[in-house]
Each structure stands twice: as structure tokens, then as C-alpha cells.
Amino acid sequence: MSILSTLPNRALTERDVAELNRTDAFSLVIATAESGPTLGLIIATERWVKGLALTGDGWEVVKTVDTTDKQTRFDGLKRCEDAVVAAIKKM
């Protein structure tokens, strides 16, 4: 099962994001909206960080950063956040 297939085809509420954070699949899930429903997510595991944006076609991975090499996790989070914000602005 892919990450995208588990997400509803709508903006996620704060409760939805909290539920994703409680799963064992991810070490961190962050909404890009400061409050209310979000069109963007940053999802991290020990090995990677992914930025997801809700587009007209549903949720899409707009950036993936491997964090197992020289790439730091913080830098990966920031790069994914920037990519999500840019993707949402294009809509």
C-alpha cells in the first residue's frame, strides 16, 4: 500500500494529521497549514522525507529527500516544505 492511497482525496484536518502521527509507518507528519485543513504534508521516516501536496488529481509527492546519506533530516524537511509550498501556489 502506498502513502498516497491511504490519504483521502481532500484537505486534511488537524485531527487527520494527528492520526497519521500516531501510526507506526511514519516518525513525523507535519501539516504545512498553520491551522485548519491543510493542502500540504511533510512526512518523514528514518530513511527519507517526502513533501506531499493536494492537487486537482489528488495527493502527489512533490519532493523526496533521502536522509540516510550526507543529507541531514532538518535540511530534508525544509527542502520538502519549500517544494510543497511552491506546488500549492501553482494551483
N, C-alpha and C. Protein backbone atom coordinates (compact mmCIF):
# COMPACT_ATOMS: atom_id res chain seq x y z
N MET A 1 0.85 -1.18 0.00
CA MET A 1 0.00 0.00 0.00
C MET A 1 0.90 1.24 0.00
N SER A 2 0.62 2.17 -0.90
CA SER A 2 1.42 3.39 -0.97
C SER A 2 0.89 4.44 0.00
N ILE A 3 1.73 5.40 0.28
CA ILE A 3 1.35 6.51 1.16
C ILE A 3 0.12 7.21 0.59
N LEU A 4 0.17 7.49 -0.70
CA LEU A 4 -0.89 8.27 -1.33
C LEU A 4 -2.24 7.55 -1.30
N SER A 5 -2.23 6.24 -1.41
CA SER A 5 -3.50 5.50 -1.43
C SER A 5 -4.20 5.50 -0.07
N THR A 6 -3.47 5.84 0.99
CA THR A 6 -4.08 5.86 2.32
C THR A 6 -4.70 7.21 2.67
N LEU A 7 -4.43 8.21 1.86
CA LEU A 7 -4.93 9.56 2.15
C LEU A 7 -6.25 9.83 1.45
N PRO A 8 -7.20 10.46 2.14
CA PRO A 8 -8.47 10.82 1.49
C PRO A 8 -8.22 11.93 0.46
N ASN A 9 -9.03 11.98 -0.56
CA ASN A 9 -8.86 12.96 -1.63
C ASN A 9 -9.50 14.29 -1.24
N ARG A 10 -8.96 14.87 -0.17
CA ARG A 10 -9.45 16.16 0.35
C ARG A 10 -8.36 16.75 1.24
N ALA A 11 -8.54 18.02 1.58
CA ALA A 11 -7.62 18.64 2.54
C ALA A 11 -7.74 17.90 3.87
N LEU A 12 -6.63 17.77 4.57
CA LEU A 12 -6.64 17.04 5.84
C LEU A 12 -6.84 17.98 7.02
N THR A 13 -7.66 17.52 7.94
CA THR A 13 -7.91 18.30 9.16
C THR A 13 -6.75 18.09 10.14
N GLU A 14 -6.73 18.90 11.18
CA GLU A 14 -5.71 18.73 12.22
C GLU A 14 -5.83 17.35 12.85
N ARG A 15 -7.04 16.87 12.99
CA ARG A 15 -7.27 15.53 13.54
C ARG A 15 -6.69 14.45 12.63
N ASP A 16 -6.88 14.61 11.31
CA ASP A 16 -6.30 13.65 10.36
C ASP A 16 -4.78 13.57 10.50
N VAL A 17 -4.15 14.73 10.60
CA VAL A 17 -2.69 14.79 10.73
C VAL A 17 -2.25 14.15 12.04
N ALA A 18 -2.99 14.41 13.11
CA ALA A 18 -2.67 13.80 14.40
C ALA A 18 -2.77 12.28 14.32
N GLU A 19 -3.78 11.77 13.61
CA GLU A 19 -3.93 10.32 13.46
C GLU A 19 -2.78 9.73 12.67
N LEU A 20 -2.32 10.42 11.63
CA LEU A 20 -1.15 9.95 10.87
C LEU A 20 0.09 9.90 11.75
N ASN A 21 0.21 10.86 12.65
CA ASN A 21 1.36 10.89 13.54
C ASN A 21 1.34 9.72 14.53
N ARG A 22 0.18 9.19 14.82
CA ARG A 22 0.08 8.07 15.76
C ARG A 22 0.39 6.72 15.12
N THR A 23 0.46 6.67 13.80
CA THR A 23 0.76 5.40 13.14
C THR A 23 2.24 5.07 13.28
N ASP A 24 2.55 3.81 13.15
CA ASP A 24 3.94 3.37 13.21
C ASP A 24 4.67 3.54 11.88
N ALA A 25 3.93 3.87 10.83
CA ALA A 25 4.52 3.97 9.50
C ALA A 25 5.46 5.17 9.35
N PHE A 26 5.21 6.25 10.10
CA PHE A 26 5.99 7.47 9.95
C PHE A 26 6.55 7.91 11.30
N SER A 27 7.72 8.52 11.27
CA SER A 27 8.26 9.05 12.52
C SER A 27 7.78 10.48 12.75
N LEU A 28 7.32 11.15 11.68
CA LEU A 28 6.86 12.53 11.80
C LEU A 28 5.95 12.88 10.64
N VAL A 29 4.82 13.54 10.94
CA VAL A 29 3.92 14.06 9.92
C VAL A 29 3.60 15.50 10.32
N ILE A 30 3.83 16.43 9.39
CA ILE A 30 3.63 17.85 9.68
C ILE A 30 2.72 18.45 8.60
N ALA A 31 1.71 19.18 9.02
CA ALA A 31 0.86 19.93 8.09
C ALA A 31 1.57 21.22 7.72
N THR A 32 1.42 21.65 6.47
CA THR A 32 2.04 22.91 6.07
C THR A 32 1.15 24.11 6.40
N ALA A 33 -0.14 23.88 6.64
CA ALA A 33 -1.03 24.96 7.05
C ALA A 33 -0.88 25.17 8.56
N GLU A 34 -0.88 26.42 8.99
CA GLU A 34 -0.73 26.71 10.41
C GLU A 34 -1.94 26.30 11.22
N SER A 35 -3.12 26.35 10.62
CA SER A 35 -4.33 25.92 11.30
C SER A 35 -5.36 25.54 10.26
N GLY A 36 -6.32 24.76 10.69
CA GLY A 36 -7.38 24.34 9.78
C GLY A 36 -6.92 23.28 8.81
N PRO A 37 -7.76 22.96 7.83
CA PRO A 37 -7.41 21.94 6.84
C PRO A 37 -6.14 22.31 6.07
N THR A 38 -5.36 21.30 5.73
CA THR A 38 -4.10 21.55 5.03
C THR A 38 -4.09 20.89 3.65
N LEU A 39 -3.47 21.55 2.71
CA LEU A 39 -3.28 21.03 1.36
C LEU A 39 -1.88 20.45 1.19
N GLY A 40 -1.07 20.52 2.24
CA GLY A 40 0.29 20.03 2.14
C GLY A 40 0.74 19.30 3.39
N LEU A 41 1.57 18.27 3.18
CA LEU A 41 2.10 17.47 4.28
C LEU A 41 3.59 17.25 4.09
N ILE A 42 4.29 17.16 5.19
CA ILE A 42 5.67 16.70 5.20
C ILE A 42 5.65 15.41 6.01
N ILE A 43 6.11 14.32 5.41
CA ILE A 43 6.11 13.02 6.06
C ILE A 43 7.55 12.52 6.12
N ALA A 44 7.95 12.02 7.28
CA ALA A 44 9.33 11.56 7.44
C ALA A 44 9.39 10.18 8.07
N THR A 45 10.39 9.42 7.65
CA THR A 45 10.77 8.16 8.29
C THR A 45 12.24 8.31 8.65
N GLU A 46 12.85 7.25 9.10
CA GLU A 46 14.28 7.30 9.41
C GLU A 46 15.12 7.40 8.14
N ARG A 47 14.57 7.03 6.99
CA ARG A 47 15.34 6.96 5.75
C ARG A 47 15.07 8.08 4.75
N TRP A 48 13.89 8.70 4.84
CA TRP A 48 13.53 9.72 3.86
C TRP A 48 12.54 10.72 4.42
N VAL A 49 12.42 11.84 3.68
CA VAL A 49 11.40 12.85 3.94
C VAL A 49 10.69 13.08 2.61
N LYS A 50 9.35 13.18 2.65
CA LYS A 50 8.57 13.43 1.44
C LYS A 50 7.65 14.62 1.67
N GLY A 51 7.54 15.44 0.63
CA GLY A 51 6.59 16.53 0.64
C GLY A 51 5.42 16.16 -0.25
N LEU A 52 4.21 16.26 0.27
CA LEU A 52 3.00 15.91 -0.47
C LEU A 52 2.09 17.13 -0.59
N ALA A 53 1.52 17.30 -1.77
CA ALA A 53 0.58 18.41 -2.00
C ALA A 53 -0.70 17.85 -2.60
N LEU A 54 -1.82 18.42 -2.20
CA LEU A 54 -3.12 18.05 -2.76
C LEU A 54 -3.35 18.90 -4.01
N THR A 55 -3.45 18.23 -5.14
CA THR A 55 -3.68 18.92 -6.41
C THR A 55 -5.05 18.51 -6.94
N GLY A 56 -5.38 18.97 -8.11
CA GLY A 56 -6.65 18.59 -8.72
C GLY A 56 -6.76 17.10 -8.98
N ASP A 57 -5.62 16.42 -9.05
CA ASP A 57 -5.60 14.97 -9.29
C ASP A 57 -5.47 14.16 -8.02
N GLY A 58 -5.52 14.79 -6.86
CA GLY A 58 -5.35 14.11 -5.59
C GLY A 58 -3.98 14.42 -4.99
N TRP A 59 -3.57 13.63 -4.01
CA TRP A 59 -2.29 13.85 -3.34
C TRP A 59 -1.15 13.41 -4.23
N GLU A 60 -0.12 14.25 -4.31
CA GLU A 60 1.07 13.94 -5.12
C GLU A 60 2.32 14.17 -4.30
N VAL A 61 3.32 13.32 -4.51
CA VAL A 61 4.63 13.53 -3.90
C VAL A 61 5.35 14.55 -4.78
N VAL A 62 5.67 15.71 -4.20
CA VAL A 62 6.33 16.77 -4.97
C VAL A 62 7.83 16.84 -4.69
N LYS A 63 8.27 16.17 -3.62
CA LYS A 63 9.71 16.17 -3.31
C LYS A 63 10.01 14.99 -2.39
N THR A 64 11.10 14.31 -2.65
CA THR A 64 11.59 13.25 -1.78
C THR A 64 13.07 13.50 -1.53
N VAL A 65 13.47 13.43 -0.27
CA VAL A 65 14.87 13.62 0.11
C VAL A 65 15.31 12.41 0.91
N ASP A 66 16.38 11.78 0.44
CA ASP A 66 16.96 10.65 1.15
C ASP A 66 17.77 11.20 2.32
N THR A 67 17.50 10.72 3.51
CA THR A 67 18.21 11.23 4.69
C THR A 67 19.18 10.21 5.27
N THR A 68 19.49 9.18 4.51
CA THR A 68 20.43 8.17 5.01
C THR A 68 21.87 8.49 4.66
N ASP A 69 22.10 9.36 3.69
CA ASP A 69 23.46 9.71 3.30
C ASP A 69 23.91 10.96 4.04
N LYS A 70 24.54 11.87 3.32
CA LYS A 70 25.05 13.10 3.93
C LYS A 70 23.93 14.10 4.24
N GLN A 71 22.79 13.87 3.65
CA GLN A 71 21.67 14.79 3.81
C GLN A 71 21.15 14.77 5.24
N THR A 72 21.08 15.92 5.87
CA THR A 72 20.53 15.96 7.23
C THR A 72 19.01 15.96 7.18
N ARG A 73 18.41 15.48 8.23
CA ARG A 73 16.95 15.42 8.30
C ARG A 73 16.33 16.81 8.26
N PHE A 74 16.91 17.76 9.02
CA PHE A 74 16.36 19.11 9.04
C PHE A 74 16.37 19.72 7.64
N ASP A 75 17.47 19.57 6.92
CA ASP A 75 17.55 20.10 5.58
C ASP A 75 16.51 19.45 4.67
N GLY A 76 16.30 18.15 4.84
CA GLY A 76 15.30 17.45 4.05
C GLY A 76 13.89 17.95 4.34
N LEU A 77 13.61 18.19 5.61
CA LEU A 77 12.30 18.75 5.99
C LEU A 77 12.08 20.10 5.34
N LYS A 78 13.09 20.95 5.37
CA LYS A 78 12.98 22.30 4.81
C LYS A 78 12.82 22.25 3.28
N ARG A 79 13.60 21.42 2.62
CA ARG A 79 13.50 21.32 1.16
C ARG A 79 12.13 20.80 0.74
N CYS A 80 11.61 19.83 1.47
CA CYS A 80 10.27 19.31 1.15
C CYS A 80 9.19 20.35 1.42
N GLU A 81 9.32 21.09 2.51
CA GLU A 81 8.34 22.14 2.81
C GLU A 81 8.34 23.18 1.69
N ASP A 82 9.51 23.61 1.26
CA ASP A 82 9.60 24.60 0.18
C ASP A 82 8.93 24.09 -1.10
N ALA A 83 9.15 22.81 -1.41
CA ALA A 83 8.55 22.22 -2.61
C ALA A 83 7.03 22.15 -2.50
N VAL A 84 6.52 21.82 -1.32
CA VAL A 84 5.07 21.75 -1.12
C VAL A 84 4.44 23.13 -1.24
N VAL A 85 5.04 24.12 -0.60
CA VAL A 85 4.51 25.49 -0.68
C VAL A 85 4.49 25.97 -2.14
N ALA A 86 5.55 25.70 -2.88
CA ALA A 86 5.60 26.10 -4.29
C ALA A 86 4.54 25.38 -5.11
N ALA A 87 4.32 24.10 -4.86
CA ALA A 87 3.30 23.34 -5.60
C ALA A 87 1.90 23.86 -5.33
N ILE A 88 1.64 24.20 -4.07
CA ILE A 88 0.31 24.71 -3.71
C ILE A 88 0.08 26.08 -4.34
N LYS A 89 1.12 26.92 -4.40
CA LYS A 89 0.97 28.25 -5.01
C LYS A 89 0.64 28.17 -6.49
N LYS A 90 1.11 27.11 -7.16
CA LYS A 90 0.86 26.96 -8.60
C LYS A 90 -0.59 26.61 -8.91
N MET A 91 -1.32 26.11 -7.91
CA MET A 91 -2.71 25.68 -8.16
C MET A 91 -3.63 26.87 -8.25
